[in-house]
Structures are given as structure tokens and as C-alpha cells.
Amino acid sequence: MDLFLDPHSAPFAVAAIILAALTVLEMCCLLIGFSLSELIGKALPDDHGGGLSGLLSWLNYGGVPVLVLLMLFLGMFA
């Protein structure tokens, strides 16, 4: 537990806490009957112009919900 509360590992601990909170929130939303990741995915535009869109298309953006990609990056960072 000391490693988790160490000031040097604070960014990683915050990422793990955000990941856990998003997981609990998504599970609660699924129990109610809707998906938070689908709600966020519909709010974002489907622009595939250029720039950062090339990286996102490489990550299969559009095929994978944005919340899942965010949780993946948080998990890898934590």
C-alpha cells in the first residue's frame, strides 16, 4: 500500500483510480440499461480528415468505443 501512496507514483495511482471509477460507472450504467461509452461515442464527430485522424484510424477509431480506448490507455499507464 505504501507504493500506491508514494508521491512519486501519484500520477499512476490517479490513472488507476480514474480507471476504476470509469469501470464502476460503466457497469452501473449497463445495469440501468444504457451504455456510457455509446453515449460518448455518439457525441463525437465522425470526421476522418487528417492529422490526428490518421492515428485514430490506425487504432480502429469508430470500431472501438472512445471510452474503451481511454480505459485502455489509462490501464497501460497505471
Protein backbone atom coordinates (compact mmCIF):
# COMPACT_ATOMS: atom_id res chain seq x y z
CA MET A 1 0.00 0.00 0.00
CA ASP A 2 2.96 2.32 0.61
CA LEU A 3 3.96 2.05 -3.03
CA PHE A 4 0.47 3.12 -4.12
CA LEU A 5 0.54 6.19 -1.81
CA ASP A 6 4.12 7.21 -2.60
CA PRO A 7 4.29 10.76 -4.06
CA HIS A 8 6.43 9.52 -6.95
CA SER A 9 3.70 7.14 -8.08
CA ALA A 10 0.84 9.64 -7.70
CA PRO A 11 0.15 10.03 -11.47
CA PHE A 12 -0.09 6.27 -11.86
CA ALA A 13 -2.34 5.97 -8.81
CA VAL A 14 -4.62 8.70 -10.16
CA ALA A 15 -4.83 6.89 -13.51
CA ALA A 16 -5.73 3.65 -11.71
CA ILE A 17 -8.41 5.42 -9.64
CA ILE A 18 -9.92 7.04 -12.76
CA LEU A 19 -9.89 3.65 -14.49
CA ALA A 20 -11.66 2.01 -11.54
CA ALA A 21 -14.23 4.83 -11.36
CA LEU A 22 -14.97 4.60 -15.09
CA THR A 23 -15.36 0.83 -14.80
CA VAL A 24 -17.82 1.13 -11.92
CA LEU A 25 -19.72 3.91 -13.71
CA GLU A 26 -19.98 1.88 -16.92
CA MET A 27 -21.20 -1.18 -15.01
CA CYS A 28 -23.85 0.88 -13.19
CA CYS A 29 -25.00 2.40 -16.48
CA LEU A 30 -25.27 -1.06 -18.04
CA LEU A 31 -27.40 -2.22 -15.11
CA ILE A 32 -29.73 0.74 -15.69
CA GLY A 33 -29.99 -0.04 -19.39
CA PHE A 34 -27.72 2.23 -21.38
CA SER A 35 -24.05 2.39 -22.21
CA LEU A 36 -21.93 5.38 -21.25
CA SER A 37 -19.38 4.54 -23.95
CA GLU A 38 -22.10 4.58 -26.62
CA LEU A 39 -23.35 7.95 -25.35
CA ILE A 40 -19.83 9.43 -25.56
CA GLY A 41 -19.20 7.84 -28.96
CA LYS A 42 -22.34 9.37 -30.46
CA ALA A 43 -21.38 12.83 -29.18
CA LEU A 44 -18.07 12.86 -31.07
CA PRO A 45 -18.00 13.78 -34.77
CA ASP A 46 -17.21 11.19 -37.44
CA ASP A 47 -14.56 13.39 -39.10
CA HIS A 48 -11.77 11.44 -40.80
CA GLY A 49 -9.92 14.39 -42.34
CA GLY A 50 -6.26 14.18 -41.39
CA GLY A 51 -3.73 14.97 -38.71
CA LEU A 52 -4.67 13.09 -35.56
CA SER A 53 -7.32 11.19 -37.52
CA GLY A 54 -4.59 9.06 -39.09
CA LEU A 55 -3.52 7.82 -35.66
CA LEU A 56 -7.10 7.26 -34.61
CA SER A 57 -7.87 5.28 -37.76
CA TRP A 58 -4.82 3.12 -37.02
CA LEU A 59 -6.36 2.43 -33.60
CA ASN A 60 -9.65 1.47 -35.32
CA TYR A 61 -11.45 4.56 -34.04
CA GLY A 62 -15.09 4.10 -34.91
CA GLY A 63 -14.91 0.35 -34.46
CA VAL A 64 -13.89 0.62 -30.81
CA PRO A 65 -15.77 2.95 -28.44
CA VAL A 66 -13.81 6.00 -27.31
CA LEU A 67 -14.33 5.15 -23.65
CA VAL A 68 -12.74 1.73 -24.22
CA LEU A 69 -9.70 3.39 -25.83
CA LEU A 70 -9.46 5.83 -22.90
CA MET A 71 -9.67 2.96 -20.42
CA LEU A 72 -7.04 1.04 -22.39
CA PHE A 73 -4.59 3.96 -22.26
CA LEU A 74 -5.28 4.56 -18.55
CA GLY A 75 -4.71 0.88 -17.82
CA MET A 76 -1.43 0.83 -19.73
CA PHE A 77 -0.27 3.98 -17.93
CA ALA A 78 -1.28 2.75 -14.48
